[in-house]
């Protein structure tokens, strides 16, 4: 019902991407479960380093994606 109302207001197709939502939900569920299981088995220092490494990898990926997108964008759009 909410999607139908939003579609009337905004126009176009606003349906959720179910595959993406389910994938993210399952990843969060599995990651939360595994994290809770590993937390008691790994030393705190190792866990902090692992989480720091994951954060750095995600940041590098975001930076790479941003650079690639700005290289593809027309010159008048980059300055916005």
N, C-alpha and C. Protein backbone atom coordinates (compact mmCIF):
# COMPACT_ATOMS: atom_id res chain seq x y z
N UNK A 1 0.82 -1.19 0.00
CA UNK A 1 0.00 0.00 0.00
C UNK A 1 0.87 1.26 0.00
N UNK A 2 1.92 1.25 0.82
CA UNK A 2 2.79 2.43 0.90
C UNK A 2 3.48 2.68 -0.44
N UNK A 3 3.90 1.61 -1.13
CA UNK A 3 4.57 1.77 -2.42
C UNK A 3 3.61 2.34 -3.46
N UNK A 4 2.37 1.92 -3.42
CA UNK A 4 1.38 2.44 -4.36
C UNK A 4 1.15 3.93 -4.13
N UNK A 5 1.08 4.35 -2.87
CA UNK A 5 0.89 5.77 -2.56
C UNK A 5 2.10 6.59 -2.99
N UNK A 6 3.29 6.08 -2.72
CA UNK A 6 4.49 6.80 -3.13
C UNK A 6 4.61 6.88 -4.64
N UNK A 7 4.17 5.84 -5.33
CA UNK A 7 4.24 5.84 -6.79
C UNK A 7 3.32 6.91 -7.37
N UNK A 8 2.20 7.13 -6.74
CA UNK A 8 1.29 8.18 -7.20
C UNK A 8 1.91 9.56 -7.03
N UNK A 9 2.61 9.76 -5.92
CA UNK A 9 3.20 11.06 -5.63
C UNK A 9 4.44 11.32 -6.48
N UNK A 10 5.33 10.33 -6.56
CA UNK A 10 6.61 10.53 -7.23
C UNK A 10 6.61 10.07 -8.68
N UNK A 11 5.73 9.20 -9.05
CA UNK A 11 5.70 8.69 -10.41
C UNK A 11 6.82 7.70 -10.66
N UNK A 12 6.68 6.90 -11.67
CA UNK A 12 7.70 5.92 -12.01
C UNK A 12 7.62 4.69 -11.13
N UNK A 13 8.57 3.80 -11.31
CA UNK A 13 8.61 2.56 -10.56
C UNK A 13 9.44 2.74 -9.30
N UNK A 14 8.86 2.52 -8.13
CA UNK A 14 9.59 2.67 -6.87
C UNK A 14 9.60 1.38 -6.07
N UNK A 15 9.33 0.28 -6.72
CA UNK A 15 9.28 -1.01 -6.02
C UNK A 15 10.64 -1.34 -5.41
N UNK A 16 10.64 -1.99 -4.26
CA UNK A 16 11.92 -2.36 -3.63
C UNK A 16 12.63 -3.43 -4.44
N UNK A 17 13.94 -3.47 -4.30
CA UNK A 17 14.73 -4.51 -4.94
C UNK A 17 14.87 -5.65 -3.92
N UNK A 18 13.98 -6.63 -4.04
CA UNK A 18 13.89 -7.71 -3.06
C UNK A 18 15.16 -8.53 -2.99
N UNK A 19 15.77 -8.82 -4.11
CA UNK A 19 17.01 -9.61 -4.09
C UNK A 19 18.10 -8.94 -3.29
N UNK A 20 18.26 -7.64 -3.51
CA UNK A 20 19.28 -6.89 -2.79
C UNK A 20 18.97 -6.85 -1.29
N UNK A 21 17.71 -6.60 -0.96
CA UNK A 21 17.32 -6.53 0.45
C UNK A 21 17.52 -7.85 1.17
N UNK A 22 17.15 -8.94 0.51
CA UNK A 22 17.32 -10.26 1.12
C UNK A 22 18.81 -10.59 1.28
N UNK A 23 19.61 -10.25 0.28
CA UNK A 23 21.06 -10.50 0.37
C UNK A 23 21.68 -9.73 1.52
N UNK A 24 21.33 -8.47 1.66
CA UNK A 24 21.89 -7.67 2.75
C UNK A 24 21.42 -8.19 4.10
N UNK A 25 20.15 -8.58 4.19
CA UNK A 25 19.63 -9.12 5.44
C UNK A 25 20.31 -10.42 5.83
N UNK A 26 20.49 -11.32 4.87
CA UNK A 26 21.18 -12.58 5.16
C UNK A 26 22.65 -12.35 5.54
N UNK A 27 23.29 -11.42 4.84
CA UNK A 27 24.68 -11.10 5.18
C UNK A 27 24.81 -10.55 6.59
N UNK A 28 23.87 -9.70 6.97
CA UNK A 28 23.89 -9.16 8.33
C UNK A 28 23.63 -10.23 9.38
N UNK A 29 22.70 -11.13 9.07
CA UNK A 29 22.37 -12.22 9.99
C UNK A 29 23.57 -13.15 10.18
N UNK A 30 24.17 -13.57 9.07
CA UNK A 30 25.32 -14.48 9.14
C UNK A 30 26.51 -13.78 9.80
N UNK A 31 26.75 -12.54 9.42
CA UNK A 31 27.87 -11.80 10.02
C UNK A 31 27.69 -11.58 11.51
N UNK A 32 26.47 -11.27 11.94
CA UNK A 32 26.21 -11.11 13.36
C UNK A 32 26.41 -12.40 14.13
N UNK A 33 25.95 -13.49 13.55
CA UNK A 33 26.10 -14.80 14.19
C UNK A 33 27.58 -15.17 14.30
N UNK A 34 28.29 -15.03 13.18
CA UNK A 34 29.71 -15.39 13.18
C UNK A 34 30.51 -14.48 14.10
N UNK A 35 30.19 -13.21 14.11
CA UNK A 35 30.89 -12.28 14.99
C UNK A 35 30.70 -12.62 16.46
N UNK A 36 29.48 -12.99 16.81
CA UNK A 36 29.22 -13.36 18.21
C UNK A 36 29.96 -14.63 18.58
N UNK A 37 30.05 -15.57 17.65
CA UNK A 37 30.76 -16.83 17.92
C UNK A 37 32.28 -16.60 18.01
N UNK A 38 32.82 -15.77 17.13
CA UNK A 38 34.27 -15.54 17.10
C UNK A 38 34.76 -14.63 18.22
N UNK A 39 33.90 -13.78 18.70
CA UNK A 39 34.29 -12.78 19.70
C UNK A 39 34.90 -13.41 20.93
N UNK A 40 34.36 -14.51 21.37
CA UNK A 40 34.89 -15.15 22.58
C UNK A 40 36.14 -15.99 22.30
N UNK A 41 36.42 -16.28 21.04
CA UNK A 41 37.56 -17.13 20.70
C UNK A 41 38.79 -16.37 20.23
N UNK A 42 38.61 -15.13 19.83
CA UNK A 42 39.74 -14.33 19.34
C UNK A 42 40.19 -13.35 20.41
N UNK A 43 41.49 -13.14 20.53
CA UNK A 43 41.96 -12.10 21.44
C UNK A 43 41.46 -10.73 20.98
N UNK A 44 41.27 -9.82 21.91
CA UNK A 44 40.73 -8.50 21.59
C UNK A 44 41.60 -7.77 20.57
N UNK A 45 42.90 -7.88 20.70
CA UNK A 45 43.81 -7.19 19.77
C UNK A 45 43.61 -7.70 18.34
N UNK A 46 43.49 -9.01 18.17
CA UNK A 46 43.27 -9.58 16.84
C UNK A 46 41.93 -9.15 16.26
N UNK A 47 40.92 -9.12 17.10
CA UNK A 47 39.59 -8.71 16.65
C UNK A 47 39.59 -7.26 16.21
N UNK A 48 40.25 -6.40 16.98
CA UNK A 48 40.33 -4.98 16.61
C UNK A 48 41.09 -4.80 15.29
N UNK A 49 42.16 -5.53 15.11
CA UNK A 49 42.93 -5.43 13.86
C UNK A 49 42.11 -5.92 12.67
N UNK A 50 41.38 -7.02 12.87
CA UNK A 50 40.53 -7.54 11.80
C UNK A 50 39.45 -6.53 11.41
N UNK A 51 38.79 -5.94 12.39
CA UNK A 51 37.76 -4.95 12.10
C UNK A 51 38.36 -3.70 11.45
N UNK A 52 39.55 -3.29 11.89
CA UNK A 52 40.23 -2.16 11.27
C UNK A 52 40.59 -2.44 9.82
N UNK A 53 41.05 -3.66 9.56
CA UNK A 53 41.39 -4.06 8.18
C UNK A 53 40.14 -4.04 7.30
N UNK A 54 39.05 -4.55 7.81
CA UNK A 54 37.79 -4.55 7.04
C UNK A 54 37.35 -3.12 6.75
N UNK A 55 37.45 -2.24 7.76
CA UNK A 55 37.08 -0.83 7.55
C UNK A 55 37.96 -0.17 6.50
N UNK A 56 39.25 -0.47 6.51
CA UNK A 56 40.16 0.11 5.51
C UNK A 56 39.86 -0.41 4.11
N UNK A 57 39.51 -1.68 3.99
CA UNK A 57 39.17 -2.25 2.68
C UNK A 57 37.90 -1.60 2.14
N UNK A 58 36.90 -1.43 3.01
CA UNK A 58 35.66 -0.78 2.58
C UNK A 58 35.93 0.67 2.16
N UNK A 59 36.73 1.39 2.93
CA UNK A 59 37.06 2.77 2.59
C UNK A 59 37.80 2.85 1.25
N UNK A 60 38.73 1.94 1.02
CA UNK A 60 39.46 1.93 -0.25
C UNK A 60 38.52 1.65 -1.41
N UNK A 61 37.57 0.76 -1.21
CA UNK A 61 36.60 0.44 -2.27
C UNK A 61 35.71 1.64 -2.57
N UNK A 62 35.24 2.33 -1.53
CA UNK A 62 34.44 3.54 -1.75
C UNK A 62 35.25 4.60 -2.49
N UNK A 63 36.50 4.76 -2.12
CA UNK A 63 37.36 5.74 -2.79
C UNK A 63 37.55 5.37 -4.25
N UNK A 64 37.81 4.10 -4.53
CA UNK A 64 37.99 3.64 -5.90
C UNK A 64 36.72 3.89 -6.72
N UNK A 65 35.58 3.57 -6.17
CA UNK A 65 34.31 3.77 -6.87
C UNK A 65 34.07 5.26 -7.13
N UNK A 66 34.35 6.10 -6.15
CA UNK A 66 34.17 7.54 -6.32
C UNK A 66 35.08 8.11 -7.39
N UNK A 67 36.32 7.66 -7.44
CA UNK A 67 37.26 8.14 -8.46
C UNK A 67 36.81 7.70 -9.85
N UNK A 68 36.36 6.46 -9.96
CA UNK A 68 35.89 5.96 -11.26
C UNK A 68 34.67 6.71 -11.73
N UNK A 69 33.74 7.02 -10.83
CA UNK A 69 32.52 7.73 -11.22
C UNK A 69 32.83 9.17 -11.59
N UNK A 70 33.75 9.81 -10.87
CA UNK A 70 34.06 11.20 -11.21
C UNK A 70 34.82 11.27 -12.53
N UNK A 71 35.57 10.22 -12.88
CA UNK A 71 36.27 10.21 -14.16
C UNK A 71 35.30 10.04 -15.33
N UNK A 72 34.17 9.37 -15.10
CA UNK A 72 33.18 9.16 -16.14
C UNK A 72 32.21 10.32 -16.29
N UNK A 73 32.07 11.14 -15.25
CA UNK A 73 31.06 12.21 -15.26
C UNK A 73 31.53 13.35 -16.18
N UNK A 74 30.59 14.01 -16.83
CA UNK A 74 30.95 15.18 -17.65
C UNK A 74 31.56 16.29 -16.76
N UNK A 75 32.36 17.13 -17.35
CA UNK A 75 33.09 18.16 -16.59
C UNK A 75 32.16 19.09 -15.83
N UNK A 76 31.00 19.43 -16.38
CA UNK A 76 30.11 20.36 -15.69
C UNK A 76 29.41 19.72 -14.50
N UNK A 77 29.40 18.42 -14.38
CA UNK A 77 28.75 17.74 -13.25
C UNK A 77 29.71 17.53 -12.10
N UNK A 78 31.01 17.42 -12.38
CA UNK A 78 32.00 17.11 -11.36
C UNK A 78 32.06 18.21 -10.31
N UNK A 79 31.90 19.45 -10.68
CA UNK A 79 32.01 20.57 -9.76
C UNK A 79 30.85 20.72 -8.81
N UNK A 80 29.78 20.00 -8.97
CA UNK A 80 28.60 20.16 -8.11
C UNK A 80 28.83 19.65 -6.76
